[in-house]
Protein backbone atom coordinates (compact mmCIF):
# COMPACT_ATOMS: atom_id res chain seq x y z
CA UNK A 1 -16.01 5.62 6.82
CA UNK A 2 -13.06 3.98 5.06
CA UNK A 3 -13.35 2.08 1.82
CA UNK A 4 -12.02 -1.44 1.61
CA UNK A 5 -12.76 -5.04 1.11
CA UNK A 6 -13.81 -7.61 3.66
CA UNK A 7 -10.69 -7.21 5.84
CA UNK A 8 -12.56 -6.17 9.02
CA UNK A 9 -15.25 -8.73 8.44
CA UNK A 10 -12.76 -11.57 8.16
CA UNK A 11 -10.68 -10.31 11.03
CA UNK A 12 -13.82 -9.98 13.26
CA UNK A 13 -14.83 -13.57 12.45
CA UNK A 14 -11.33 -14.85 13.30
CA UNK A 15 -11.18 -12.78 16.48
CA UNK A 16 -14.62 -14.05 17.55
CA UNK A 17 -13.57 -17.64 16.92
CA UNK A 18 -10.24 -17.29 18.78
CA UNK A 19 -11.47 -15.34 21.79
CA UNK A 20 -15.04 -16.48 22.15
CA UNK A 21 -16.09 -12.81 22.38
CA UNK A 22 -18.55 -11.49 19.85
CA UNK A 23 -16.77 -9.10 17.42
CA UNK A 24 -18.30 -7.38 14.47
CA UNK A 25 -16.52 -5.62 11.62
CA UNK A 26 -17.88 -2.31 12.96
CA UNK A 27 -16.60 -2.85 16.48
CA UNK A 28 -13.20 -3.98 15.28
CA UNK A 29 -12.90 -0.95 12.98
CA UNK A 30 -13.80 1.32 15.89
CA UNK A 31 -11.16 -0.29 18.06
CA UNK A 32 -8.63 0.18 15.28
CA UNK A 33 -9.55 3.89 15.03
CA UNK A 34 -9.15 4.27 18.79
CA UNK A 35 -5.71 2.71 18.60
CA UNK A 36 -4.58 4.92 15.69
CA UNK A 37 -5.79 8.11 17.41
CA UNK A 38 -4.38 7.12 20.83
CA UNK A 39 -1.05 6.33 19.25
CA UNK A 40 -1.06 9.60 17.38
CA UNK A 41 -1.80 11.67 20.52
CA UNK A 42 0.87 9.82 22.54
CA UNK A 43 3.47 10.34 19.81
CA UNK A 44 2.69 14.03 19.63
CA UNK A 45 2.90 14.37 23.43
CA UNK A 46 6.29 12.61 23.26
CA UNK A 47 7.59 15.20 20.81
CA UNK A 48 7.09 13.54 17.43
CA UNK A 49 7.71 16.14 14.73
CA UNK A 50 5.68 16.88 11.61
CA UNK A 51 5.05 14.12 9.11
CA UNK A 52 7.39 14.20 6.16
CA UNK A 53 9.84 12.33 4.04
CA UNK A 54 13.59 12.46 3.75
CA UNK A 55 15.11 14.60 1.02
CA UNK A 56 15.93 11.57 -1.17
CA UNK A 57 12.25 10.98 -1.80
CA UNK A 58 12.02 14.23 -3.78
CA UNK A 59 14.70 13.35 -6.28
CA UNK A 60 13.73 12.08 -9.70
CA UNK A 61 13.37 8.32 -10.22
CA UNK A 62 13.72 6.79 -13.63
CA UNK A 63 11.55 3.82 -14.57
CA UNK A 64 11.95 2.43 -18.06
CA UNK A 65 11.65 5.46 -20.36
CA UNK A 66 9.95 7.80 -17.87
CA UNK A 67 11.10 9.95 -14.96
CA UNK A 68 8.95 10.43 -11.87
CA UNK A 69 9.27 13.17 -9.26
CA UNK A 70 7.35 13.66 -6.06
CA UNK A 71 7.05 17.31 -5.11
CA UNK A 72 6.68 18.75 -1.65
CA UNK A 73 3.35 20.20 -2.74
CA UNK A 74 2.06 16.74 -3.73
CA UNK A 75 3.21 15.36 -0.36
CA UNK A 76 1.50 18.25 1.49
CA UNK A 77 -1.76 17.79 -0.44
CA UNK A 78 -1.70 13.99 0.33
CA UNK A 79 -1.10 14.70 4.02
CA UNK A 80 -3.98 17.25 4.10
CA UNK A 81 -6.31 14.69 2.56
CA UNK A 82 -5.10 11.95 4.98
CA UNK A 83 -5.50 14.22 7.96
CA UNK A 84 -9.04 15.22 6.96
CA UNK A 85 -9.97 11.53 6.40
CA UNK A 86 -8.67 10.75 9.92
CA UNK A 87 -10.52 13.62 11.52
CA UNK A 88 -7.31 15.50 12.35
CA UNK A 89 -6.43 19.14 12.00
CA UNK A 90 -4.03 20.68 9.47
CA UNK A 91 -1.10 19.89 11.76
CA UNK A 92 -2.03 16.24 12.11
CA UNK A 93 -3.50 16.47 15.65
CA UNK A 94 -6.75 14.60 16.28
CA UNK A 95 -9.62 17.02 16.57
CA UNK A 96 -11.51 17.13 19.86
CA UNK A 97 -14.70 15.92 18.16
CA UNK A 98 -12.83 12.94 16.71
CA UNK A 99 -11.58 12.01 20.19
CA UNK A 100 -15.06 12.42 21.72
CA UNK A 101 -16.63 10.27 18.94
CA UNK A 102 -14.09 7.50 19.68
CA UNK A 103 -14.66 7.81 23.45
CA UNK A 104 -11.14 9.05 24.03
CA UNK A 105 -12.25 12.23 25.84
CA UNK A 106 -9.66 11.66 28.53
CA UNK A 107 -6.97 12.65 26.06
CA UNK A 108 -8.48 16.15 25.83
CA UNK A 109 -7.30 17.27 29.27
CA UNK A 110 -3.62 17.38 30.18
CA UNK A 111 -2.48 14.82 32.79
């Protein structure tokens, strides 16, 4: 699902060694996805606002001979891509099918 090097493989080997429980890169990645989505849902329920950056991030930055500017449109496009990659809707909320896939169904119904 996510590109990357051998990070999960190495972490799974270390976790297996330290805990004595059998961890695979796949199972560790799935747990990481559960944690990310659980944290996101809890933050949203606690009133976290939309993702964004402070105004200072949209001011020009000079590096050597060039000037760089991040536009709000570029940030919004990056957030849309990130949300889609995570299986979240346009507002950054985990989609029901994402939560079901990660066995976080209990988050679908209000407490």
